[in-house]
Amino acid sequence: MRRFAGRWLAGLDPSTRQGVVRVVVLLCLTPLTVILANRSFAIADGVGPAAVYGAAVLAATAAMFYVAYTRYRDPSVDQVPCPRRLRGTFPPLPGQPRVSLLLAVRDEEARIEECVRSMAGSDLPGVEIVVVDDASRDGTGDILRRLAAELGITVVHLSENVGKKHALVRACARADGDVVVFTDSDCVLAPDAVRRCVTALVRNPHLGAVSGHCRALNTDASLLARIQDVWYEGQFRVAKAAESAFGSVTCVSGPLAAFRRDAVWNYLPAWAEDRFLGAPFRFATDRQLTGYVLGQAWHGKRLKERHADSPFVTGEDYPERPWLVGYVASARVGTDVPAGVRAFLRQQVRWKKSFIRNLCFTGGFMWRRGPAAAALYYGHVLWVLLAPVMAVRHLLWAPLQGLWLLTGLYLCGVLLKGCAWGLAYKADHPGDTRWRYRPLMSLLSSTVLAWLLPYSLATVRRGVWSRGTS
């Protein structure tokens, strides 16, 4: 049935096909719209802030689904829109640009060979591969020496640990690509992943960076790993697709991140030397590097002036441009996700610290990138910031007051939102029963992860580069 529908849609002219897709998406969103209408009537009757919050979350979810399924275009396949005022202002890449694929690794002997072989297995010819071993203490260095001799890749062995950001910048210093692509040491790239990202940048000169699509590799490790896998699918297929529709993906994720050299090169020293609240911010935050691409039209000169003596600035001073940032759904990469609760919570704390730090940078200019991009960004920020407040109100205050019905309604709303995301997964993967894990992630996020934001804020100056999946 799905193949028949696909063939039928392919036979329609583009405008008719787009109209049919929008009608189908609207029909699928009808249940959420009805619930939202009921919430709105409850607000009008004076139910209070809980109803306002619930209605806003449902409205934002419905809007994001609509945008992701009706406006997103894979930039490796199609040309994606560029604002009229910016057309012709971005220099095109060569038809066959030089590509550098970079990796920083520390103590990953169990996974590193599979990762590097997937890098070398790219179907894009002539890719330069540079791997920096950041003073590993296990057998990672020996494995990389063997792979360097076998595959002809460049490996840099550091005698002293410098941290992931500095290690990646060292890799960049050895790279000469027009496009620089980063991946993580616990990832496995699809053979066509790098080619699709590069094609997207060549086809769309206004894109300064693109993110690939990530799923979990170790789904057999635990229930928690399977929950994260389905969550990852939605975060990329829906959330990043919606941002990409407006050229403002706010996090080009580390498992597969491709940047035009002229969009990011001058800002690598600012990224490596980033400070927050008077202390070095050591997390290799993907959000912050993406922010330098999105916001350089307003902050680029100041960032370069701070590091005016860096070879990344003195070598060639690239003009600041209002780059767009996209997402390539067809560029696939797998990653190991935390299988145990402790490693999962450590990861979430790192991500929330990166969110807090990036909010103080990207939050200062996203309103300039247009109302739709701003609404997506600040709406997400508001949801994250209110999550601990809602958790306190519904999971602590309400039970203490004997308002168990309020707690129950809150949890039902959380599960409803999770079911909506789960059904989106099911629509994209007919016959796959893993969609049912998605409501569990929503429940976990609202009852457990919400409490991590205050802790992350209190410990934001503490940070180390560490990984772990158990």
Protein backbone atom coordinates (compact mmCIF):
# COMPACT_ATOMS: atom_id res chain seq x y z
CA MET A 1 0.00 0.00 0.00
CA ARG A 2 2.76 2.41 0.92
CA ARG A 3 4.65 1.65 -2.35
CA PHE A 4 1.43 2.19 -4.34
CA ALA A 5 0.82 5.53 -2.61
CA GLY A 6 4.41 6.55 -3.27
CA ARG A 7 4.12 5.72 -6.99
CA TRP A 8 0.80 7.57 -7.21
CA LEU A 9 2.23 10.68 -5.53
CA ALA A 10 5.31 10.57 -7.74
CA GLY A 11 3.06 10.74 -10.80
CA LEU A 12 1.50 14.03 -9.73
CA ASP A 13 2.87 17.43 -10.63
CA PRO A 14 4.82 19.09 -7.75
CA SER A 15 2.13 21.61 -6.76
CA THR A 16 -0.64 18.98 -6.68
CA ARG A 17 1.58 16.54 -4.78
CA GLN A 18 2.37 19.20 -2.18
CA GLY A 19 -1.33 19.95 -1.76
CA VAL A 20 -2.18 16.26 -1.28
CA VAL A 21 0.57 15.85 1.33
CA ARG A 22 -0.70 18.88 3.27
CA VAL A 23 -4.27 17.59 3.29
CA VAL A 24 -3.12 14.16 4.53
CA VAL A 25 -0.99 15.72 7.28
CA LEU A 26 -3.86 17.95 8.39
CA LEU A 27 -6.17 14.93 8.57
CA CYS A 28 -3.59 13.07 10.67
CA LEU A 29 -3.33 16.07 13.00
CA THR A 30 -7.12 16.31 13.46
CA PRO A 31 -7.15 14.41 16.80
CA LEU A 32 -4.55 16.79 18.24
CA THR A 33 -6.54 19.75 16.90
CA VAL A 34 -9.72 18.53 18.61
CA ILE A 35 -7.91 18.05 21.92
CA LEU A 36 -6.32 21.47 21.53
CA ALA A 37 -9.75 23.03 20.97
CA ASN A 38 -11.07 21.39 24.13
CA ARG A 39 -8.05 22.72 26.04
CA SER A 40 -8.74 26.20 24.68
CA PHE A 41 -12.33 26.09 25.96
CA ALA A 42 -10.97 24.98 29.35
CA ILE A 43 -8.64 27.98 29.37
CA ALA A 44 -11.55 30.28 28.55
CA ASP A 45 -13.42 28.84 31.54
CA GLY A 46 -10.52 29.81 33.81
CA VAL A 47 -8.81 26.48 34.44
CA GLY A 48 -5.45 28.24 34.85
CA PRO A 49 -1.79 28.05 33.86
CA ALA A 50 -1.66 24.25 33.62
CA ALA A 51 -4.25 24.32 30.83
CA VAL A 52 -2.42 27.17 29.10
CA TYR A 53 0.83 25.18 29.22
CA GLY A 54 -0.84 22.01 27.93
CA ALA A 55 -2.56 23.83 25.08
CA ALA A 56 0.67 25.57 24.09
CA VAL A 57 2.63 22.29 24.06
CA LEU A 58 0.00 20.56 21.92
CA ALA A 59 -0.21 23.52 19.53
CA ALA A 60 3.58 23.63 19.15
CA THR A 61 3.71 19.86 18.57
CA ALA A 62 1.02 20.01 15.89
CA ALA A 63 2.71 22.96 14.16
CA MET A 64 6.09 21.21 14.18
CA PHE A 65 4.63 18.06 12.66
CA TYR A 66 2.89 20.08 9.96
CA VAL A 67 6.06 21.94 8.99
CA ALA A 68 8.25 18.82 9.10
CA TYR A 69 5.95 16.77 6.87
CA THR A 70 4.87 19.46 4.40
CA ARG A 71 7.76 21.90 4.04
CA TYR A 72 10.94 19.89 4.59
CA ARG A 73 13.06 19.02 1.55
CA ASP A 74 16.18 16.85 1.66
CA PRO A 75 18.90 19.24 0.41
CA SER A 76 20.93 16.37 -1.06
CA VAL A 77 18.04 15.68 -3.44
CA ASP A 78 16.35 19.07 -3.94
CA GLN A 79 17.29 22.69 -3.88
CA VAL A 80 15.96 24.19 -0.67
CA PRO A 81 14.56 27.73 -0.53
CA CYS A 82 16.81 30.72 0.03
CA PRO A 83 15.30 34.09 1.08
CA ARG A 84 14.99 36.35 -1.94
CA ARG A 85 17.08 39.10 -0.36
CA LEU A 86 20.00 36.66 0.02
CA ARG A 87 19.97 35.00 -3.39
CA GLY A 88 23.25 35.31 -5.26
CA THR A 89 25.21 36.39 -2.18
CA PHE A 90 26.77 33.00 -1.37
CA PRO A 91 29.76 31.73 -3.38
CA PRO A 92 29.19 28.26 -4.87
CA LEU A 93 31.40 25.35 -3.95
CA PRO A 94 33.35 23.56 -6.67
CA GLY A 95 31.43 20.74 -8.33
CA GLN A 96 33.83 18.27 -6.72
CA PRO A 97 35.05 20.01 -3.55
CA ARG A 98 37.92 18.72 -1.44
CA VAL A 99 36.49 16.97 1.62
CA SER A 100 38.17 16.39 4.99
CA LEU A 101 36.60 13.86 7.39
CA LEU A 102 37.80 14.47 10.95
CA LEU A 103 37.63 12.56 14.23
CA ALA A 104 38.93 13.05 17.76
CA VAL A 105 39.12 9.97 19.96
CA ARG A 106 40.11 9.06 23.51
CA ASP A 107 40.00 5.57 25.06
CA GLU A 108 37.66 3.93 22.51
CA GLU A 109 39.46 0.68 21.68
CA ALA A 110 36.23 -1.32 21.59
CA ARG A 111 34.57 0.75 18.85
CA ILE A 112 37.28 2.77 17.10
CA GLU A 113 38.18 0.27 14.35
CA GLU A 114 34.59 -0.05 13.15
CA CYS A 115 34.25 3.73 13.21
CA VAL A 116 37.42 4.41 11.21
CA ARG A 117 36.67 1.68 8.68
CA SER A 118 33.24 3.23 8.09
CA MET A 119 34.98 6.57 7.49
CA ALA A 120 37.36 4.97 5.01
CA GLY A 121 34.42 3.14 3.41
CA SER A 122 32.81 6.36 2.17
CA ASP A 123 31.70 6.09 -1.46
CA LEU A 124 32.88 9.65 -2.08
CA PRO A 125 36.34 9.38 -3.70
CA GLY A 126 39.31 11.36 -2.48
CA VAL A 127 38.13 12.02 1.07
CA GLU A 128 40.97 13.11 3.38
CA ILE A 129 40.71 11.38 6.78
CA VAL A 130 42.41 12.84 9.85
CA VAL A 131 42.11 11.18 13.27
CA VAL A 132 43.52 12.72 16.45
CA ASP A 133 44.21 10.38 19.37
CA ASP A 134 43.82 12.60 22.42
CA ALA A 135 46.32 10.79 24.68
CA SER A 136 44.37 7.54 24.97
CA ARG A 137 45.37 5.30 27.87
CA ASP A 138 44.06 2.02 26.42
CA GLY A 139 44.83 0.27 23.14
CA THR A 140 43.26 2.93 20.92
CA GLY A 141 46.61 4.31 19.78
CA ASP A 142 47.91 0.90 18.65
CA ILE A 143 44.72 0.21 16.69
CA LEU A 144 45.01 3.59 14.96
CA ARG A 145 48.65 2.97 14.02
CA ARG A 146 47.66 -0.29 12.36
CA LEU A 147 44.75 1.33 10.54
CA ALA A 148 46.93 4.24 9.39
CA ALA A 149 49.34 1.81 7.75
CA GLU A 150 46.53 -0.21 6.17
CA LEU A 151 44.13 2.54 5.06
CA GLY A 152 46.49 5.44 4.38
CA ILE A 153 44.77 7.82 6.79
CA THR A 154 46.45 10.55 8.83
CA VAL A 155 46.66 9.89 12.57
CA VAL A 156 47.94 12.47 15.04
CA HIS A 157 48.95 11.11 18.45
CA LEU A 158 48.88 13.64 21.28
CA SER A 159 51.04 13.00 24.33
CA GLU A 160 48.86 15.15 26.57
CA ASN A 161 45.08 15.19 26.82
CA VAL A 162 43.71 18.51 25.48
CA GLY A 163 39.97 17.79 25.32
CA LYS A 164 37.70 17.05 22.39
CA LYS A 165 37.32 20.58 21.02
CA HIS A 166 41.06 21.27 20.99
CA ALA A 167 41.70 17.83 19.49
CA LEU A 168 39.25 18.51 16.66
CA VAL A 169 40.82 21.90 16.02
CA ARG A 170 44.20 20.13 15.77
CA ALA A 171 42.62 17.87 13.16
CA CYS A 172 41.32 20.91 11.28
CA ALA A 173 44.83 22.38 11.23
CA ARG A 174 45.93 19.33 9.22
CA ALA A 175 42.92 19.44 6.85
CA ASP A 176 42.68 21.23 3.52
CA GLY A 177 39.07 20.48 2.54
CA ASP A 178 36.55 22.94 1.14
CA VAL A 179 34.14 20.95 3.29
CA VAL A 180 35.04 19.67 6.77
CA VAL A 181 32.99 16.81 8.17
CA PHE A 182 33.06 15.72 11.82
CA THR A 183 31.95 12.44 13.32
CA ASP A 184 32.21 10.84 16.77
CA SER A 185 34.35 7.90 17.82
CA ASP A 186 31.37 5.72 18.77
CA CYS A 187 29.67 6.15 15.39
CA VAL A 188 29.40 4.14 12.18
CA LEU A 189 28.76 6.06 8.94
CA ALA A 190 26.69 4.74 6.06
CA PRO A 191 28.80 4.51 2.87
CA ASP A 192 26.87 7.32 1.19
CA ALA A 193 26.48 9.57 4.26
CA VAL A 194 29.40 11.93 3.61
CA ARG A 195 28.59 12.14 -0.11
CA ARG A 196 25.00 13.13 0.61
CA CYS A 197 26.07 15.89 3.00
CA VAL A 198 28.58 17.24 0.50
CA THR A 199 26.02 17.06 -2.31
CA ALA A 200 23.62 19.10 -0.17
CA LEU A 201 26.22 21.84 0.31
CA VAL A 202 27.18 21.89 -3.38
CA ARG A 203 23.55 21.94 -4.56
CA ASN A 204 22.60 24.70 -2.09
CA PRO A 205 25.33 27.37 -1.82
CA HIS A 206 23.37 29.21 0.88
CA LEU A 207 23.82 26.28 3.32
CA GLY A 208 26.85 26.79 5.54
CA ALA A 209 26.40 23.49 7.40
CA VAL A 210 24.20 20.40 7.44
CA SER A 211 23.44 17.68 9.96
CA GLY A 212 22.98 14.01 9.13
CA HIS A 213 20.35 11.64 10.53
CA CYS A 214 21.33 9.58 13.58
CA ARG A 215 19.93 6.37 15.05
CA ALA A 216 21.15 4.05 17.81
CA LEU A 217 23.44 1.12 16.99
CA ASN A 218 23.10 -0.80 20.26
CA THR A 219 19.33 -1.20 20.50
CA ASP A 220 19.74 -4.75 21.78
CA ALA A 221 21.64 -3.53 24.85
CA SER A 222 18.66 -2.47 26.96
CA LEU A 223 15.13 -1.08 26.98
CA LEU A 224 16.62 2.36 27.62
CA ALA A 225 18.68 2.09 24.42
CA ARG A 226 15.57 1.20 22.40
CA ILE A 227 13.68 4.13 23.87
CA GLN A 228 16.48 6.48 22.87
CA ASP A 229 16.60 5.06 19.35
CA VAL A 230 12.96 5.93 18.69
CA TRP A 231 13.46 9.32 20.36
CA TYR A 232 16.46 10.05 18.12
CA GLU A 233 14.34 9.30 15.05
CA GLY A 234 11.79 11.95 16.03
CA GLN A 235 14.37 14.51 17.07
CA PHE A 236 15.93 14.31 13.61
CA ARG A 237 13.01 13.44 11.31
CA VAL A 238 10.60 15.94 12.88
CA ALA A 239 12.42 18.52 15.00
CA LYS A 240 15.46 19.04 12.75
CA ALA A 241 13.31 18.78 9.62
CA ALA A 242 11.08 21.58 10.90
CA GLU A 243 14.10 23.78 11.67
CA SER A 244 15.64 22.91 8.30
CA ALA A 245 12.50 24.10 6.50
CA PHE A 246 13.49 27.60 7.63
CA GLY A 247 17.24 27.12 7.23
CA SER A 248 17.89 27.40 10.95
CA VAL A 249 18.88 24.00 12.37
CA THR A 250 20.29 25.03 15.75
CA CYS A 251 22.40 21.94 16.41
CA VAL A 252 24.43 20.22 13.71
CA SER A 253 24.87 17.03 15.67
CA GLY A 254 28.32 15.54 16.28
CA PRO A 255 27.70 12.05 14.85
CA LEU A 256 27.62 13.59 11.35
CA ALA A 257 28.25 17.32 10.99
CA ALA A 258 29.36 18.87 7.68
CA PHE A 259 30.51 22.49 7.40
CA ARG A 260 31.67 24.63 4.54
CA ARG A 261 35.20 25.75 5.31
CA ASP A 262 34.38 29.42 4.71
CA ALA A 263 31.40 29.23 7.09
CA VAL A 264 33.24 27.88 10.13
CA TRP A 265 37.02 28.19 9.75
CA ASN A 266 37.56 31.60 11.36
CA TYR A 267 35.50 30.60 14.41
CA LEU A 268 37.30 27.40 15.38
CA PRO A 269 39.60 29.17 17.89
CA ALA A 270 36.58 30.85 19.52
CA TRP A 271 34.97 27.42 19.82
CA ALA A 272 38.07 25.77 21.27
CA GLU A 273 38.69 28.60 23.75
CA ASP A 274 35.05 29.14 24.68
CA ARG A 275 34.50 30.44 28.21
CA PHE A 276 31.31 30.68 30.21
CA LEU A 277 30.75 32.34 33.59
CA GLY A 278 34.47 33.02 33.85
CA ALA A 279 35.61 29.42 33.31
CA PRO A 280 36.61 27.35 30.24
CA PHE A 281 33.60 25.54 28.82
CA ARG A 282 35.12 22.18 27.97
CA PHE A 283 32.18 20.33 26.49
CA ALA A 284 32.46 19.93 22.71
CA THR A 285 29.09 21.55 22.27
CA ASP A 286 27.71 21.01 18.78
CA ARG A 287 25.17 23.75 19.43
CA GLN A 288 27.83 26.39 19.96
CA LEU A 289 29.72 25.62 16.76
CA THR A 290 26.41 25.70 14.88
CA GLY A 291 25.63 29.01 16.55
CA TYR A 292 28.80 30.53 15.07
CA VAL A 293 27.51 29.65 11.60
CA LEU A 294 23.99 30.90 12.27
CA GLY A 295 25.02 34.09 14.04
CA GLN A 296 28.25 35.24 12.39
CA ALA A 297 26.49 38.03 10.48
CA TRP A 298 25.96 39.72 13.84
CA HIS A 299 28.77 38.38 16.03
CA GLY A 300 31.41 37.19 13.56
CA LYS A 301 33.67 40.25 13.57
CA ARG A 302 33.79 40.38 17.35
CA LEU A 303 34.63 36.67 17.59
CA LYS A 304 37.45 37.00 15.07
CA GLU A 305 38.87 40.07 16.78
CA ARG A 306 39.20 38.08 20.03
CA HIS A 307 41.46 35.59 18.26
CA ALA A 308 43.05 37.87 15.68
CA ASP A 309 46.47 36.22 16.07
CA SER A 310 45.17 32.67 15.43
CA PRO A 311 46.28 31.07 12.14
CA PHE A 312 42.62 30.17 11.59
CA VAL A 313 41.95 33.90 11.31
CA THR A 314 45.19 35.25 9.86
CA GLY A 315 45.40 32.53 7.18
CA GLU A 316 42.27 33.74 5.38
CA ASP A 317 39.61 36.09 6.66
CA TYR A 318 36.30 34.86 5.25
CA PRO A 319 33.40 37.34 4.99
CA GLU A 320 30.64 37.05 7.58
CA ARG A 321 27.52 35.76 5.88
CA PRO A 322 23.93 35.01 7.02
CA TRP A 323 24.31 31.29 6.30
CA LEU A 324 21.41 28.88 6.42
CA VAL A 325 21.85 25.52 8.17
CA GLY A 326 20.05 22.37 7.04
CA TYR A 327 19.44 18.69 7.73
CA VAL A 328 20.01 15.77 5.36
CA ALA A 329 17.54 13.01 6.23
CA SER A 330 19.15 10.55 3.81
CA ALA A 331 22.66 10.86 5.34
CA ARG A 332 22.59 8.06 7.90
CA VAL A 333 24.86 7.43 10.86
CA GLY A 334 24.56 5.06 13.80
CA THR A 335 25.87 5.74 17.30
CA ASP A 336 26.12 3.88 20.57
CA VAL A 337 23.67 5.38 23.06
CA PRO A 338 23.93 4.98 26.84
CA ALA A 339 22.50 1.61 27.79
CA GLY A 340 22.63 2.18 31.55
CA VAL A 341 20.85 4.77 33.66
CA ARG A 342 24.01 6.36 35.12
CA ALA A 343 25.66 6.93 31.72
CA PHE A 344 22.37 8.21 30.30
CA LEU A 345 21.98 10.77 33.09
CA ARG A 346 25.60 11.93 32.66
CA GLN A 347 24.95 12.44 28.95
CA GLN A 348 21.76 14.37 29.63
CA VAL A 349 23.54 16.64 32.12
CA ARG A 350 26.23 17.40 29.50
CA TRP A 351 23.57 18.22 26.94
CA LYS A 352 21.66 20.47 29.31
CA LYS A 353 24.85 22.34 30.20
CA SER A 354 25.49 22.86 26.50
CA PHE A 355 21.89 24.05 26.12
CA ILE A 356 22.35 26.59 28.92
CA ARG A 357 25.63 27.87 27.55
CA ASN A 358 24.31 28.10 23.98
CA LEU A 359 21.13 29.86 25.07
CA CYS A 360 23.28 32.76 26.24
CA PHE A 361 24.77 33.03 22.72
CA THR A 362 22.25 31.84 20.15
CA GLY A 363 19.33 33.21 22.13
CA GLY A 364 20.68 36.70 21.54
CA PHE A 365 20.22 36.66 17.77
CA MET A 366 17.69 33.98 16.75
CA TRP A 367 14.94 36.60 16.69
CA ARG A 368 16.79 38.14 13.73
CA ARG A 369 16.47 35.00 11.61
CA GLY A 370 12.76 35.38 10.93
CA PRO A 371 9.54 34.74 12.86
CA ALA A 372 9.21 31.04 12.03
CA ALA A 373 12.80 30.13 13.00
CA ALA A 374 12.50 32.30 16.12
CA ALA A 375 9.21 30.68 17.13
CA LEU A 376 10.70 27.19 16.86
CA TYR A 377 13.79 28.15 18.83
CA TYR A 378 12.25 30.22 21.62
CA GLY A 379 9.29 27.86 21.89
CA HIS A 380 11.70 24.99 22.57
CA VAL A 381 13.63 27.12 25.06
CA LEU A 382 10.44 28.00 26.90
CA TRP A 383 9.41 24.34 27.06
CA VAL A 384 12.80 23.31 28.49
CA LEU A 385 12.82 26.11 31.06
CA LEU A 386 9.25 25.43 32.19
CA ALA A 387 9.71 21.65 32.44
CA PRO A 388 11.17 21.77 36.00
CA VAL A 389 8.43 24.18 37.09
CA MET A 390 5.74 21.89 35.74
CA ALA A 391 7.40 18.89 37.39
CA VAL A 392 7.42 20.63 40.79
CA ARG A 393 3.83 21.79 40.41
CA HIS A 394 2.35 18.49 39.27
CA LEU A 395 4.60 15.88 40.86
CA LEU A 396 5.32 17.53 44.23
CA TRP A 397 2.96 20.39 45.04
CA ALA A 398 -0.24 18.79 43.68
CA PRO A 399 0.12 15.48 45.62
CA LEU A 400 0.98 17.39 48.80
CA GLN A 401 -2.26 19.33 48.38
CA GLY A 402 -4.21 16.16 47.70
CA LEU A 403 -4.76 17.16 44.06
CA TRP A 404 -4.08 13.73 42.62
CA LEU A 405 -6.42 14.38 39.69
CA LEU A 406 -4.18 17.26 38.59
CA THR A 407 -1.14 14.97 38.71
CA GLY A 408 -3.01 12.32 36.74
CA LEU A 409 -4.11 14.81 34.09
CA TYR A 410 -0.54 16.06 33.73
CA LEU A 411 0.80 12.56 33.22
CA CYS A 412 -1.97 11.80 30.73
CA GLY A 413 -1.01 14.92 28.77
CA VAL A 414 2.62 13.81 28.76
CA LEU A 415 1.66 10.38 27.44
CA LEU A 416 -0.64 11.95 24.84
CA LYS A 417 2.21 14.01 23.47
CA GLY A 418 4.44 10.91 23.46
CA CYS A 419 1.78 8.97 21.57
CA ALA A 420 1.65 11.70 18.92
CA TRP A 421 5.41 11.36 18.41
CA GLY A 422 5.05 7.58 18.42
CA LEU A 423 2.40 7.68 15.71
CA ALA A 424 4.66 9.91 13.62
CA TYR A 425 7.32 7.20 13.92
CA LYS A 426 4.79 4.55 12.94
CA ALA A 427 3.74 6.58 9.88
CA ASP A 428 7.36 6.70 8.72
CA HIS A 429 8.03 3.04 9.59
CA PRO A 430 4.91 0.97 8.87
CA GLY A 431 4.97 -2.39 10.59
CA ASP A 432 7.67 -1.34 13.06
CA THR A 433 6.31 -1.82 16.58
CA ARG A 434 9.02 0.24 18.27
CA TRP A 435 6.79 3.34 18.07
CA ARG A 436 5.34 2.29 21.45
CA TYR A 437 8.64 3.18 23.17
CA ARG A 438 8.17 6.86 22.37
CA PRO A 439 5.54 7.62 25.08
CA LEU A 440 7.98 6.14 27.61
CA MET A 441 10.58 8.73 26.57
CA SER A 442 8.08 11.55 27.10
CA LEU A 443 7.27 10.17 30.54
CA LEU A 444 10.97 9.83 31.38
CA SER A 445 11.66 13.35 30.16
CA SER A 446 8.91 14.95 32.24
CA THR A 447 9.36 12.96 35.44
CA VAL A 448 13.15 12.48 35.58
CA LEU A 449 15.09 14.60 33.07
CA ALA A 450 13.25 17.82 33.95
CA TRP A 451 14.97 17.82 37.33
CA LEU A 452 18.41 17.80 35.68
CA LEU A 453 18.16 21.38 34.38
CA PRO A 454 18.56 23.07 37.81
CA TYR A 455 21.40 20.66 38.66
CA SER A 456 23.10 21.35 35.34
CA LEU A 457 22.84 25.09 35.92
CA ALA A 458 24.33 24.75 39.41
CA THR A 459 27.28 22.69 38.10
CA VAL A 460 27.68 24.30 34.67
CA ARG A 461 31.32 25.26 35.31
CA ARG A 462 32.26 21.64 35.95
CA GLY A 463 32.99 19.61 32.83
CA VAL A 464 35.18 16.82 31.48
CA TRP A 465 35.34 14.89 28.22
CA SER A 466 34.08 11.42 29.02
CA ARG A 467 31.98 8.83 27.28
CA GLY A 468 30.30 5.65 28.29
CA THR A 469 27.30 3.55 27.35
CA SER A 470 26.83 1.55 30.51
